[in-house]
Amino acid sequence: MGEVLPMPTVGDVFLDVRGDDRTMRVSYHQDREVVVVSLWAGAACRGSFRLAADDAGRLVAFLSGIVSPAGAPDAPDDTEIQADADTIAATPQRTAPSPEQTGDVSMLALPKKPVPRVA
C-alpha cells in the first residue's frame, strides 16, 4: 500500500458482516478534496480508493436508494452532505430520483461459472 496516515477527525469505521476483524474506513481529507475508502484486515490496509469530494453526493444518492431487506431497520432519508474542516453534517432533504442510471444492477449475484476439472 501507499502512504498510511492517521485517521482524520472527519471519518468513520464500519465492521464487515463477515467479521474476522475486517473493517472499512472512510475519511474526508479537505486539503486534498478527497474521500478515502480503505479496506482493513486487522491492522493491515488491504486496499484503498480515493473518491473526488465532488463525486461524494452521487455515491450518497446511490447508497440511499438501496432498499433494506425485510426485517432490517429502514434506511435513512436522502441526505445532503455538507463538509467543512471539522465536521461532515448530514441534513435530511428529499430529492427526486435521478433519471440517469449507469449499469444494470438487477442481478442479485453473478452467474456461477463451471469449475474446470483436472484429471
PDB file of N, CA and C in Angstrom:
ATOM      1  N   MET A   1       0.838  -1.177   0.000  1.00  0.00           N
ATOM      2  CA  MET A   1       0.000   0.000   0.000  1.00  0.00           C
ATOM      3  C   MET A   1       0.880   1.236   0.000  1.00  0.00           C
ATOM      4  N   GLY A   2       0.261   2.346  -0.279  1.00  0.00           N
ATOM      5  CA  GLY A   2       0.981   3.606  -0.281  1.00  0.00           C
ATOM      6  C   GLY A   2       1.099   4.181   1.114  1.00  0.00           C
ATOM      7  N   GLU A   3       1.147   5.480   1.163  1.00  0.00           N
ATOM      8  CA  GLU A   3       1.307   6.213   2.415  1.00  0.00           C
ATOM      9  C   GLU A   3       0.107   5.973   3.335  1.00  0.00           C
ATOM     10  N   VAL A   4       0.364   5.580   4.576  1.00  0.00           N
ATOM     11  CA  VAL A   4      -0.698   5.360   5.560  1.00  0.00           C
ATOM     12  C   VAL A   4      -0.660   6.518   6.540  1.00  0.00           C
ATOM     13  N   LEU A   5      -1.775   7.236   6.619  1.00  0.00           N
ATOM     14  CA  LEU A   5      -1.880   8.396   7.502  1.00  0.00           C
ATOM     15  C   LEU A   5      -2.812   8.074   8.653  1.00  0.00           C
ATOM     16  N   PRO A   6      -2.674   8.771   9.785  1.00  0.00           N
ATOM     17  CA  PRO A   6      -3.619   8.550  10.882  1.00  0.00           C
ATOM     18  C   PRO A   6      -5.029   8.948  10.457  1.00  0.00           C
ATOM     19  N   MET A   7      -6.024   8.317  11.078  1.00  0.00           N
ATOM     20  CA  MET A   7      -7.424   8.608  10.767  1.00  0.00           C
ATOM     21  C   MET A   7      -7.707  10.069  11.108  1.00  0.00           C
ATOM     22  N   PRO A   8      -8.190  10.867  10.138  1.00  0.00           N
ATOM     23  CA  PRO A   8      -8.509  12.263  10.446  1.00  0.00           C
ATOM     24  C   PRO A   8      -9.736  12.349  11.345  1.00  0.00           C
ATOM     25  N   THR A   9     -10.007  13.559  11.838  1.00  0.00           N
ATOM     26  CA  THR A   9     -11.153  13.730  12.731  1.00  0.00           C
ATOM     27  C   THR A   9     -12.474  13.555  11.988  1.00  0.00           C
ATOM     28  N   VAL A  10     -12.469  13.704  10.663  1.00  0.00           N
ATOM     29  CA  VAL A  10     -13.682  13.532   9.873  1.00  0.00           C
ATOM     30  C   VAL A  10     -13.611  12.165   9.203  1.00  0.00           C
ATOM     31  N   GLY A  11     -14.298  11.187   9.796  1.00  0.00           N
ATOM     32  CA  GLY A  11     -14.277   9.846   9.238  1.00  0.00           C
ATOM     33  C   GLY A  11     -15.066   8.891  10.099  1.00  0.00           C
ATOM     34  N   ASP A  12     -15.138   7.638   9.641  1.00  0.00           N
ATOM     35  CA  ASP A  12     -15.868   6.617  10.382  1.00  0.00           C
ATOM     36  C   ASP A  12     -15.302   5.252  10.024  1.00  0.00           C
ATOM     37  N   VAL A  13     -15.580   4.279  10.871  1.00  0.00           N
ATOM     38  CA  VAL A  13     -15.132   2.903  10.667  1.00  0.00           C
ATOM     39  C   VAL A  13     -16.367   2.009  10.667  1.00  0.00           C
ATOM     40  N   PHE A  14     -16.456   1.101   9.687  1.00  0.00           N
ATOM     41  CA  PHE A  14     -17.583   0.189   9.554  1.00  0.00           C
ATOM     42  C   PHE A  14     -17.077  -1.244   9.655  1.00  0.00           C
ATOM     43  N   LEU A  15     -17.839  -2.098  10.349  1.00  0.00           N
ATOM     44  CA  LEU A  15     -17.473  -3.502  10.506  1.00  0.00           C
ATOM     45  C   LEU A  15     -18.024  -4.318   9.347  1.00  0.00           C
ATOM     46  N   ASP A  16     -17.248  -5.267   8.869  1.00  0.00           N
ATOM     47  CA  ASP A  16     -17.667  -6.176   7.805  1.00  0.00           C
ATOM     48  C   ASP A  16     -18.621  -7.213   8.393  1.00  0.00           C
ATOM     49  N   VAL A  17     -19.677  -7.553   7.665  1.00  0.00           N
ATOM     50  CA  VAL A  17     -20.646  -8.529   8.164  1.00  0.00           C
ATOM     51  C   VAL A  17     -20.033  -9.914   8.319  1.00  0.00           C
ATOM     52  N   ARG A  18     -18.903 -10.165   7.659  1.00  0.00           N
ATOM     53  CA  ARG A  18     -18.231 -11.463   7.774  1.00  0.00           C
ATOM     54  C   ARG A  18     -17.375 -11.564   9.029  1.00  0.00           C
ATOM     55  N   GLY A  19     -17.181 -10.452   9.722  1.00  0.00           N
ATOM     56  CA  GLY A  19     -16.365 -10.476  10.938  1.00  0.00           C
ATOM     57  C   GLY A  19     -14.892 -10.594  10.620  1.00  0.00           C
ATOM     58  N   ASP A  20     -14.190 -11.436  11.376  1.00  0.00           N
ATOM     59  CA  ASP A  20     -12.757 -11.678  11.181  1.00  0.00           C
ATOM     60  C   ASP A  20     -11.928 -10.401  11.211  1.00  0.00           C
ATOM     61  N   ASP A  21     -12.336  -9.425  12.016  1.00  0.00           N
ATOM     62  CA  ASP A  21     -11.576  -8.185  12.195  1.00  0.00           C
ATOM     63  C   ASP A  21     -11.422  -7.391  10.894  1.00  0.00           C
ATOM     64  N   ARG A  22     -12.396  -7.541   9.980  1.00  0.00           N
ATOM     65  CA  ARG A  22     -12.383  -6.783   8.730  1.00  0.00           C
ATOM     66  C   ARG A  22     -13.153  -5.490   8.940  1.00  0.00           C
ATOM     67  N   THR A  23     -12.592  -4.393   8.467  1.00  0.00           N
ATOM     68  CA  THR A  23     -13.263  -3.103   8.585  1.00  0.00           C
ATOM     69  C   THR A  23     -13.101  -2.297   7.303  1.00  0.00           C
ATOM     70  N   MET A  24     -13.989  -1.323   7.149  1.00  0.00           N
ATOM     71  CA  MET A  24     -13.882  -0.341   6.080  1.00  0.00           C
ATOM     72  C   MET A  24     -13.787   1.017   6.755  1.00  0.00           C
ATOM     73  N   ARG A  25     -12.768   1.761   6.422  1.00  0.00           N
ATOM     74  CA  ARG A  25     -12.597   3.101   6.977  1.00  0.00           C
ATOM     75  C   ARG A  25     -12.892   4.113   5.886  1.00  0.00           C
ATOM     76  N   VAL A  26     -13.660   5.127   6.250  1.00  0.00           N
ATOM     77  CA  VAL A  26     -13.998   6.202   5.326  1.00  0.00           C
ATOM     78  C   VAL A  26     -13.553   7.498   5.973  1.00  0.00           C
ATOM     79  N   SER A  27     -12.748   8.275   5.258  1.00  0.00           N
ATOM     80  CA  SER A  27     -12.247   9.528   5.825  1.00  0.00           C
ATOM     81  C   SER A  27     -12.281  10.629   4.771  1.00  0.00           C
ATOM     82  N   TYR A  28     -12.494  11.861   5.238  1.00  0.00           N
ATOM     83  CA  TYR A  28     -12.527  13.026   4.355  1.00  0.00           C
ATOM     84  C   TYR A  28     -11.268  13.843   4.579  1.00  0.00           C
ATOM     85  N   HIS A  29     -10.568  14.141   3.502  1.00  0.00           N
ATOM     86  CA  HIS A  29      -9.332  14.919   3.560  1.00  0.00           C
ATOM     87  C   HIS A  29      -9.562  16.221   2.798  1.00  0.00           C
ATOM     88  N   GLN A  30      -9.887  17.267   3.537  1.00  0.00           N
ATOM     89  CA  GLN A  30     -10.250  18.535   2.918  1.00  0.00           C
ATOM     90  C   GLN A  30      -9.090  19.135   2.131  1.00  0.00           C
ATOM     91  N   ASP A  31      -7.869  18.989   2.643  1.00  0.00           N
ATOM     92  CA  ASP A  31      -6.721  19.581   1.958  1.00  0.00           C
ATOM     93  C   ASP A  31      -6.528  19.013   0.552  1.00  0.00           C
ATOM     94  N   ARG A  32      -6.930  17.760   0.336  1.00  0.00           N
ATOM     95  CA  ARG A  32      -6.795  17.123  -0.977  1.00  0.00           C
ATOM     96  C   ARG A  32      -8.136  17.008  -1.700  1.00  0.00           C
ATOM     97  N   GLU A  33      -9.219  17.394  -1.018  1.00  0.00           N
ATOM     98  CA  GLU A  33     -10.581  17.316  -1.546  1.00  0.00           C
ATOM     99  C   GLU A  33     -10.911  15.902  -2.028  1.00  0.00           C
ATOM    100  N   VAL A  34     -10.617  14.910  -1.151  1.00  0.00           N
ATOM    101  CA  VAL A  34     -10.919  13.519  -1.463  1.00  0.00           C
ATOM    102  C   VAL A  34     -11.537  12.823  -0.265  1.00  0.00           C
ATOM    103  N   VAL A  35     -12.357  11.828  -0.570  1.00  0.00           N
ATOM    104  CA  VAL A  35     -12.875  10.902   0.429  1.00  0.00           C
ATOM    105  C   VAL A  35     -12.108   9.604   0.195  1.00  0.00           C
ATOM    106  N   VAL A  36     -11.453   9.106   1.232  1.00  0.00           N
ATOM    107  CA  VAL A  36     -10.671   7.877   1.102  1.00  0.00           C
ATOM    108  C   VAL A  36     -11.446   6.732   1.743  1.00  0.00           C
ATOM    109  N   VAL A  37     -11.666   5.679   0.968  1.00  0.00           N
ATOM    110  CA  VAL A  37     -12.294   4.455   1.458  1.00  0.00           C
ATOM    111  C   VAL A  37     -11.197   3.396   1.465  1.00  0.00           C
ATOM    112  N   SER A  38     -10.942   2.812   2.634  1.00  0.00           N
ATOM    113  CA  SER A  38      -9.892   1.796   2.719  1.00  0.00           C
ATOM    114  C   SER A  38     -10.429   0.549   3.403  1.00  0.00           C
ATOM    115  N   LEU A  39      -9.939  -0.596   2.953  1.00  0.00           N
ATOM    116  CA  LEU A  39     -10.356  -1.895   3.482  1.00  0.00           C
ATOM    117  C   LEU A  39      -9.226  -2.457   4.326  1.00  0.00           C
ATOM    118  N   TRP A  40      -9.567  -2.883   5.549  1.00  0.00           N
ATOM    119  CA  TRP A  40      -8.569  -3.320   6.520  1.00  0.00           C
ATOM    120  C   TRP A  40      -8.854  -4.731   7.004  1.00  0.00           C
ATOM    121  N   ALA A  41      -7.790  -5.483   7.243  1.00  0.00           N
ATOM    122  CA  ALA A  41      -7.850  -6.783   7.909  1.00  0.00           C
ATOM    123  C   ALA A  41      -6.973  -6.632   9.138  1.00  0.00           C
ATOM    124  N   GLY A  42      -7.610  -6.419  10.285  1.00  0.00           N
ATOM    125  CA  GLY A  42      -6.846  -6.125  11.499  1.00  0.00           C
ATOM    126  C   GLY A  42      -6.157  -4.781  11.343  1.00  0.00           C
ATOM    127  N   ALA A  43      -4.835  -4.757  11.504  1.00  0.00           N
ATOM    128  CA  ALA A  43      -4.075  -3.513  11.395  1.00  0.00           C
ATOM    129  C   ALA A  43      -3.476  -3.318  10.006  1.00  0.00           C
ATOM    130  N   ALA A  44      -3.776  -4.209   9.061  1.00  0.00           N
ATOM    131  CA  ALA A  44      -3.190  -4.129   7.721  1.00  0.00           C
ATOM    132  C   ALA A  44      -4.198  -3.588   6.714  1.00  0.00           C
ATOM    133  N   CYS A  45      -3.821  -2.525   6.012  1.00  0.00           N
ATOM    134  CA  CYS A  45      -4.656  -1.974   4.946  1.00  0.00           C
ATOM    135  C   CYS A  45      -4.499  -2.866   3.723  1.00  0.00           C
ATOM    136  N   ARG A  46      -5.620  -3.376   3.201  1.00  0.00           N
ATOM    137  CA  ARG A  46      -5.591  -4.290   2.054  1.00  0.00           C
ATOM    138  C   ARG A  46      -5.906  -3.604   0.735  1.00  0.00           C
ATOM    139  N   GLY A  47      -6.435  -2.386   0.786  1.00  0.00           N
ATOM    140  CA  GLY A  47      -6.746  -1.657  -0.435  1.00  0.00           C
ATOM    141  C   GLY A  47      -7.393  -0.328  -0.110  1.00  0.00           C
ATOM    142  N   SER A  48      -7.239   0.632  -1.029  1.00  0.00           N
ATOM    143  CA  SER A  48      -7.859   1.935  -0.793  1.00  0.00           C
ATOM    144  C   SER A  48      -8.360   2.513  -2.110  1.00  0.00           C
ATOM    145  N   PHE A  49      -9.286   3.461  -1.978  1.00  0.00           N
ATOM    146  CA  PHE A  49      -9.869   4.140  -3.127  1.00  0.00           C
ATOM    147  C   PHE A  49     -10.030   5.603  -2.761  1.00  0.00           C
ATOM    148  N   ARG A  50      -9.575   6.490  -3.622  1.00  0.00           N
ATOM    149  CA  ARG A  50      -9.713   7.931  -3.391  1.00  0.00           C
ATOM    150  C   ARG A  50     -10.816   8.460  -4.297  1.00  0.00           C
ATOM    151  N   LEU A  51     -11.901   8.903  -3.671  1.00  0.00           N
ATOM    152  CA  LEU A  51     -13.066   9.424  -4.379  1.00  0.00           C
ATOM    153  C   LEU A  51     -13.018  10.943  -4.336  1.00  0.00           C
ATOM    154  N   ALA A  52     -13.123  11.595  -5.486  1.00  0.00           N
ATOM    155  CA  ALA A  52     -13.163  13.058  -5.513  1.00  0.00           C
ATOM    156  C   ALA A  52     -14.350  13.535  -4.687  1.00  0.00           C
ATOM    157  N   ALA A  53     -14.134  14.558  -3.862  1.00  0.00           N
ATOM    158  CA  ALA A  53     -15.200  15.066  -2.995  1.00  0.00           C
ATOM    159  C   ALA A  53     -16.427  15.466  -3.814  1.00  0.00           C
ATOM    160  N   ASP A  54     -16.220  15.911  -5.053  1.00  0.00           N
ATOM    161  CA  ASP A  54     -17.341  16.288  -5.917  1.00  0.00           C
ATOM    162  C   ASP A  54     -18.242  15.096  -6.259  1.00  0.00           C
ATOM    163  N   ASP A  55     -17.709  13.867  -6.198  1.00  0.00           N
ATOM    164  CA  ASP A  55     -18.494  12.670  -6.508  1.00  0.00           C
ATOM    165  C   ASP A  55     -19.182  12.073  -5.286  1.00  0.00           C
ATOM    166  N   ALA A  56     -18.913  12.601  -4.095  1.00  0.00           N
ATOM    167  CA  ALA A  56     -19.481  12.034  -2.865  1.00  0.00           C
ATOM    168  C   ALA A  56     -21.011  12.087  -2.870  1.00  0.00           C
ATOM    169  N   GLY A  57     -21.585  13.152  -3.381  1.00  0.00           N
ATOM    170  CA  GLY A  57     -23.044  13.271  -3.438  1.00  0.00           C
ATOM    171  C   GLY A  57     -23.675  12.175  -4.281  1.00  0.00           C
ATOM    172  N   ARG A  58     -23.037  11.814  -5.388  1.00  0.00           N
ATOM    173  CA  ARG A  58     -23.548  10.748  -6.254  1.00  0.00           C
ATOM    174  C   ARG A  58     -23.493   9.408  -5.532  1.00  0.00           C
ATOM    175  N   LEU A  59     -22.413   9.161  -4.783  1.00  0.00           N
ATOM    176  CA  LEU A  59     -22.306   7.921  -4.009  1.00  0.00           C
ATOM    177  C   LEU A  59     -23.380   7.870  -2.925  1.00  0.00           C
ATOM    178  N   VAL A  60     -23.600   8.985  -2.229  1.00  0.00           N
ATOM    179  CA  VAL A  60     -24.631   9.041  -1.188  1.00  0.00           C
ATOM    180  C   VAL A  60     -26.007   8.786  -1.798  1.00  0.00           C
ATOM    181  N   ALA A  61     -26.278   9.365  -2.963  1.00  0.00           N
ATOM    182  CA  ALA A  61     -27.572   9.155  -3.623  1.00  0.00           C
ATOM    183  C   ALA A  61     -27.762   7.681  -3.974  1.00  0.00           C
ATOM    184  N   PHE A  62     -26.705   7.029  -4.447  1.00  0.00           N
ATOM    185  CA  PHE A  62     -26.792   5.606  -4.768  1.00  0.00           C
ATOM    186  C   PHE A  62     -27.077   4.784  -3.518  1.00  0.00           C
ATOM    187  N   LEU A  63     -26.318   5.017  -2.453  1.00  0.00           N
ATOM    188  CA  LEU A  63     -26.486   4.244  -1.221  1.00  0.00           C
ATOM    189  C   LEU A  63     -27.849   4.479  -0.582  1.00  0.00           C
ATOM    190  N   SER A  64     -28.355   5.705  -0.649  1.00  0.00           N
ATOM    191  CA  SER A  64     -29.647   5.989  -0.027  1.00  0.00           C
ATOM    192  C   SER A  64     -30.799   5.387  -0.827  1.00  0.00           C
ATOM    193  N   GLY A  65     -30.551   4.993  -2.066  1.00  0.00           N
ATOM    194  CA  GLY A  65     -31.588   4.375  -2.882  1.00  0.00           C
ATOM    195  C   GLY A  65     -31.701   2.873  -2.692  1.00  0.00           C
ATOM    196  N   ILE A  66     -30.827   2.287  -1.894  1.00  0.00           N
ATOM    197  CA  ILE A  66     -30.858   0.846  -1.662  1.00  0.00           C
ATOM    198  C   ILE A  66     -31.983   0.524  -0.692  1.00  0.00           C
ATOM    199  N   VAL A  67     -32.800  -0.463  -1.041  1.00  0.00           N
ATOM    200  CA  VAL A  67     -33.919  -0.876  -0.201  1.00  0.00           C
ATOM    201  C   VAL A  67     -33.406  -1.860   0.841  1.00  0.00           C
ATOM    202  N   SER A  68     -33.783  -1.636   2.102  1.00  0.00           N
ATOM    203  CA  SER A  68     -33.371  -2.531   3.185  1.00  0.00           C
ATOM    204  C   SER A  68     -34.068  -3.871   3.049  1.00  0.00           C
ATOM    205  N   PRO A  69     -33.362  -4.974   3.369  1.00  0.00           N
ATOM    206  CA  PRO A  69     -34.011  -6.285   3.355  1.00  0.00           C
ATOM    207  C   PRO A  69     -35.125  -6.346   4.405  1.00  0.00           C
ATOM    208  N   ALA A  70     -36.071  -7.253   4.227  1.00  0.00           N
ATOM    209  CA  ALA A  70     -37.172  -7.404   5.183  1.00  0.00           C
ATOM    210  C   ALA A  70     -36.626  -7.670   6.572  1.00  0.00           C
ATOM    211  N   GLY A  71     -37.168  -6.979   7.553  1.00  0.00           N
ATOM    212  CA  GLY A  71     -36.751  -7.166   8.936  1.00  0.00           C
ATOM    213  C   GLY A  71     -35.604  -6.272   9.359  1.00  0.00           C
ATOM    214  N   ALA A  72     -34.923  -5.652   8.400  1.00  0.00           N
ATOM    215  CA  ALA A  72     -33.821  -4.755   8.754  1.00  0.00           C
ATOM    216  C   ALA A  72     -34.378  -3.362   8.997  1.00  0.00           C
ATOM    217  N   PRO A  73     -33.698  -2.547   9.801  1.00  0.00           N
ATOM    218  CA  PRO A  73     -34.167  -1.183  10.019  1.00  0.00           C
ATOM    219  C   PRO A  73     -34.203  -0.424   8.701  1.00  0.00           C
ATOM    220  N   ASP A  74     -35.138   0.515   8.585  1.00  0.00           N
ATOM    221  CA  ASP A  74     -35.246   1.314   7.373  1.00  0.00           C
ATOM    222  C   ASP A  74     -33.996   2.150   7.178  1.00  0.00           C
ATOM    223  N   ALA A  75     -33.644   2.363   5.912  1.00  0.00           N
ATOM    224  CA  ALA A  75     -32.510   3.225   5.587  1.00  0.00           C
ATOM    225  C   ALA A  75     -32.892   4.667   5.890  1.00  0.00           C
ATOM    226  N   PRO A  76     -31.936   5.515   6.225  1.00  0.00           N
ATOM    227  CA  PRO A  76     -32.246   6.919   6.486  1.00  0.00           C
ATOM    228  C   PRO A  76     -32.726   7.612   5.221  1.00  0.00           C
ATOM    229  N   ASP A  77     -33.402   8.753   5.403  1.00  0.00           N
ATOM    230  CA  ASP A  77     -33.860   9.547   4.269  1.00  0.00           C
ATOM    231  C   ASP A  77     -32.667   9.996   3.444  1.00  0.00           C
ATOM    232  N   ASP A  78     -32.971  10.439   2.189  1.00  0.00           N
ATOM    233  CA  ASP A  78     -31.912  11.015   1.364  1.00  0.00           C
ATOM    234  C   ASP A  78     -31.272  12.156   2.137  1.00  0.00           C
ATOM    235  N   THR A  79     -29.975  12.315   1.981  1.00  0.00           N
ATOM    236  CA  THR A  79     -29.277  13.361   2.716  1.00  0.00           C
ATOM    237  C   THR A  79     -28.421  14.187   1.787  1.00  0.00           C
ATOM    238  N   GLU A  80     -28.186  15.385   2.221  1.00  0.00           N
ATOM    239  CA  GLU A  80     -27.251  16.263   1.532  1.00  0.00           C
ATOM    240  C   GLU A  80     -26.053  16.396   2.460  1.00  0.00           C
ATOM    241  N   ILE A  81     -24.872  16.120   1.947  1.00  0.00           N
ATOM    242  CA  ILE A  81     -23.671  16.166   2.769  1.00  0.00           C
ATOM    243  C   ILE A  81     -23.039  17.543   2.643  1.00  0.00           C
ATOM    244  N   GLN A  82     -22.752  18.148   3.783  1.00  0.00           N
ATOM    245  CA  GLN A  82     -22.074  19.437   3.823  1.00  0.00           C
ATOM    246  C   GLN A  82     -20.786  19.235   4.601  1.00  0.00           C
ATOM    247  N   ALA A  83     -19.654  19.559   3.992  1.00  0.00           N
ATOM    248  CA  ALA A  83     -18.366  19.311   4.649  1.00  0.00           C
ATOM    249  C   ALA A  83     -17.640  20.621   4.901  1.00  0.00           C
ATOM    250  N   ASP A  84     -16.987  20.696   6.058  1.00  0.00           N
ATOM    251  CA  ASP A  84     -16.060  21.778   6.337  1.00  0.00           C
ATOM    252  C   ASP A  84     -14.840  21.163   6.994  1.00  0.00           C
ATOM    253  N   ALA A  85     -13.947  21.971   7.505  1.00  0.00           N
ATOM    254  CA  ALA A  85     -12.681  21.465   8.030  1.00  0.00           C
ATOM    255  C   ALA A  85     -12.860  20.519   9.207  1.00  0.00           C
ATOM    256  N   ASP A  86     -13.891  20.687  10.021  1.00  0.00           N
ATOM    257  CA  ASP A  86     -14.008  19.902  11.240  1.00  0.00           C
ATOM    258  C   ASP A  86     -15.105  18.853  11.236  1.00  0.00           C
ATOM    259  N   THR A  87     -16.149  19.024  10.432  1.00  0.00           N
ATOM    260  CA  THR A  87     -17.274  18.095  10.518  1.00  0.00           C
ATOM    261  C   THR A  87     -17.872  17.805   9.158  1.00  0.00           C
ATOM    262  N   ILE A  88     -18.587  16.711   9.105  1.00  0.00           N
ATOM    263  CA  ILE A  88     -19.479  16.428   7.981  1.00  0.00           C
ATOM    264  C   ILE A  88     -20.861  16.299   8.593  1.00  0.00           C
ATOM    265  N   ALA A  89     -21.784  17.139   8.163  1.00  0.00           N
ATOM    266  CA  ALA A  89     -23.137  17.125   8.713  1.00  0.00           C
ATOM    267  C   ALA A  89     -24.082  16.561   7.666  1.00  0.00           C
ATOM    268  N   ALA A  90     -24.915  15.640   8.068  1.00  0.00           N
ATOM    269  CA  ALA A  90     -25.917  15.077   7.175  1.00  0.00           C
ATOM    270  C   ALA A  90     -27.249  15.739   7.483  1.00  0.00           C
ATOM    271  N   THR A  91     -27.792  16.454   6.501  1.00  0.00           N
ATOM    272  CA  THR A  91     -29.041  17.164   6.672  1.00  0.00           C
ATOM    273  C   THR A  91     -30.115  16.471   5.849  1.00  0.00           C
ATOM    274  N   PRO A  92     -31.198  15.953   6.475  1.00  0.00           N
ATOM    275  CA  PRO A  92     -32.243  15.300   5.691  1.00  0.00           C
ATOM    276  C   PRO A  92     -32.821  16.254   4.657  1.00  0.00           C
ATOM    277  N   GLN A  93     -32.945  15.773   3.433  1.00  0.00           N
ATOM    278  CA  GLN A  93     -33.512  16.583   2.372  1.00  0.00           C
ATOM    279  C   GLN A  93     -34.058  15.644   1.311  1.00  0.00           C
ATOM    280  N   ARG A  94     -35.344  15.760   1.009  1.00  0.00           N
ATOM    281  CA  ARG A  94     -35.970  14.915  -0.006  1.00  0.00           C
ATOM    282  C   ARG A  94     -35.506  15.370  -1.387  1.00  0.00           C
ATOM    283  N   THR A  95     -35.154  14.408  -2.227  1.00  0.00           N
ATOM    284  CA  THR A  95     -34.770  14.721  -3.595  1.00  0.00           C
ATOM    285  C   THR A  95     -35.444  13.726  -4.524  1.00  0.00           C
ATOM    286  N   ALA A  96     -35.702  14.164  -5.739  1.00  0.00           N
ATOM    287  CA  ALA A  96     -36.281  13.267  -6.733  1.00  0.00           C
ATOM    288  C   ALA A  96     -35.194  12.324  -7.225  1.00  0.00           C
ATOM    289  N   PRO A  97     -35.548  11.078  -7.538  1.00  0.00           N
ATOM    290  CA  PRO A  97     -34.534  10.159  -8.039  1.00  0.00           C
ATOM    291  C   PRO A  97     -33.972  10.643  -9.371  1.00  0.00           C
ATOM    292  N   SER A  98     -32.708  10.386  -9.601  1.00  0.00           N
ATOM    293  CA  SER A  98     -32.049  10.800 -10.829  1.00  0.00           C
ATOM    294  C   SER A  98     -32.586  10.001 -12.008  1.00  0.00           C
ATOM    295  N   PRO A  99     -32.858  10.659 -13.142  1.00  0.00           N
ATOM    296  CA  PRO A  99     -33.344   9.916 -14.300  1.00  0.00           C
ATOM    297  C   PRO A  99     -32.236   9.102 -14.964  1.00  0.00           C
ATOM    298  N   GLU A 100     -30.983   9.412 -14.640  1.00  0.00           N
ATOM    299  CA  GLU A 100     -29.861   8.698 -15.243  1.00  0.00           C
ATOM    300  C   GLU A 100     -29.479   7.494 -14.395  1.00  0.00           C
ATOM    301  N   GLN A 101     -29.203   6.406 -15.035  1.00  0.00           N
ATOM    302  CA  GLN A 101     -28.687   5.227 -14.355  1.00  0.00           C
ATOM    303  C   GLN A 101     -27.554   4.678 -15.188  1.00  0.00           C
ATOM    304  N   THR A 102     -26.555   4.163 -14.518  1.00  0.00           N
ATOM    305  CA  THR A 102     -25.466   3.523 -15.235  1.00  0.00           C
ATOM    306  C   THR A 102     -25.406   2.072 -14.819  1.00  0.00           C
ATOM    307  N   GLY A 103     -25.281   1.202 -15.777  1.00  0.00           N
ATOM    308  CA  GLY A 103     -25.160  -0.218 -15.478  1.00  0.00           C
ATOM    309  C   GLY A 103     -26.491  -0.866 -15.154  1.00  0.00           C
ATOM    310  N   ASP A 104     -26.480  -2.178 -15.104  1.00  0.00           N
ATOM    311  CA  ASP A 104     -27.663  -2.960 -14.778  1.00  0.00           C
ATOM    312  C   ASP A 104     -27.424  -3.633 -13.439  1.00  0.00           C
ATOM    313  N   VAL A 105     -28.160  -3.218 -12.420  1.00  0.00           N
ATOM    314  CA  VAL A 105     -27.987  -3.787 -11.086  1.00  0.00           C
ATOM    315  C   VAL A 105     -29.139  -4.717 -10.731  1.00  0.00           C
ATOM    316  N   SER A 106     -29.805  -5.254 -11.764  1.00  0.00           N
ATOM    317  CA  SER A 106     -30.959  -6.103 -11.493  1.00  0.00           C
ATOM    318  C   SER A 106     -30.566  -7.501 -11.027  1.00  0.00           C
ATOM    319  N   MET A 107     -29.342  -7.920 -11.286  1.00  0.00           N
ATOM    320  CA  MET A 107     -28.908  -9.251 -10.860  1.00  0.00           C
ATOM    321  C   MET A 107     -28.485  -9.202  -9.402  1.00  0.00           C
ATOM    322  N   LEU A 108     -28.914 -10.169  -8.617  1.00  0.00           N
ATOM    323  CA  LEU A 108     -28.513 -10.229  -7.218  1.00  0.00           C
ATOM    324  C   LEU A 108     -27.137 -10.846  -7.058  1.00  0.00           C
ATOM    325  N   ALA A 109     -26.754 -11.716  -7.971  1.00  0.00           N
ATOM    326  CA  ALA A 109     -25.441 -12.358  -7.915  1.00  0.00           C
ATOM    327  C   ALA A 109     -25.007 -12.682  -9.332  1.00  0.00           C
ATOM    328  N   LEU A 110     -23.719 -12.743  -9.525  1.00  0.00           N
ATOM    329  CA  LEU A 110     -23.202 -13.112 -10.832  1.00  0.00           C
ATOM    330  C   LEU A 110     -23.481 -14.588 -11.082  1.00  0.00           C
ATOM    331  N   PRO A 111     -23.697 -14.960 -12.348  1.00  0.00           N
ATOM    332  CA  PRO A 111     -23.931 -16.373 -12.631  1.00  0.00           C
ATOM    333  C   PRO A 111     -22.686 -17.189 -12.291  1.00  0.00           C
ATOM    334  N   LYS A 112     -22.911 -18.419 -11.833  1.00  0.00           N
ATOM    335  CA  LYS A 112     -21.791 -19.288 -11.477  1.00  0.00           C
ATOM    336  C   LYS A 112     -21.187 -19.873 -12.746  1.00  0.00           C
ATOM    337  N   LYS A 113     -19.852 -19.825 -12.824  1.00  0.00           N
ATOM    338  CA  LYS A 113     -19.148 -20.414 -13.949  1.00  0.00           C
ATOM    339  C   LYS A 113     -18.761 -21.835 -13.572  1.00  0.00           C
ATOM    340  N   PRO A 114     -18.778 -22.746 -14.547  1.00  0.00           N
ATOM    341  CA  PRO A 114     -18.373 -24.112 -14.223  1.00  0.00           C
ATOM    342  C   PRO A 114     -16.897 -24.150 -13.830  1.00  0.00           C
ATOM    343  N   VAL A 115     -16.592 -24.991 -12.865  1.00  0.00           N
ATOM    344  CA  VAL A 115     -15.220 -25.143 -12.396  1.00  0.00           C
ATOM    345  C   VAL A 115     -14.530 -26.172 -13.279  1.00  0.00           C
ATOM    346  N   PRO A 116     -13.359 -25.815 -13.854  1.00  0.00           N
ATOM    347  CA  PRO A 116     -12.661 -26.794 -14.690  1.00  0.00           C
ATOM    348  C   PRO A 116     -12.226 -28.001 -13.859  1.00  0.00           C
ATOM    349  N   ARG A 117     -12.364 -29.159 -14.429  1.00  0.00           N
ATOM    350  CA  ARG A 117     -11.971 -30.391 -13.740  1.00  0.00           C
ATOM    351  C   ARG A 117     -10.618 -30.829 -14.266  1.00  0.00           C
ATOM    352  N   VAL A 118      -9.728 -31.127 -13.355  1.00  0.00           N
ATOM    353  CA  VAL A 118      -8.392 -31.578 -13.724  1.00  0.00           C
ATOM    354  C   VAL A 118      -8.268 -33.042 -13.346  1.00  0.00           C
ATOM    355  N   ALA A 119      -7.837 -33.858 -14.314  1.00  0.00           N
ATOM    356  CA  ALA A 119      -7.714 -35.295 -14.048  1.00  0.00           C
ATOM    357  C   ALA A 119      -6.341 -35.643 -13.533  1.00  0.00           C
TER     358      ALA A 119
END
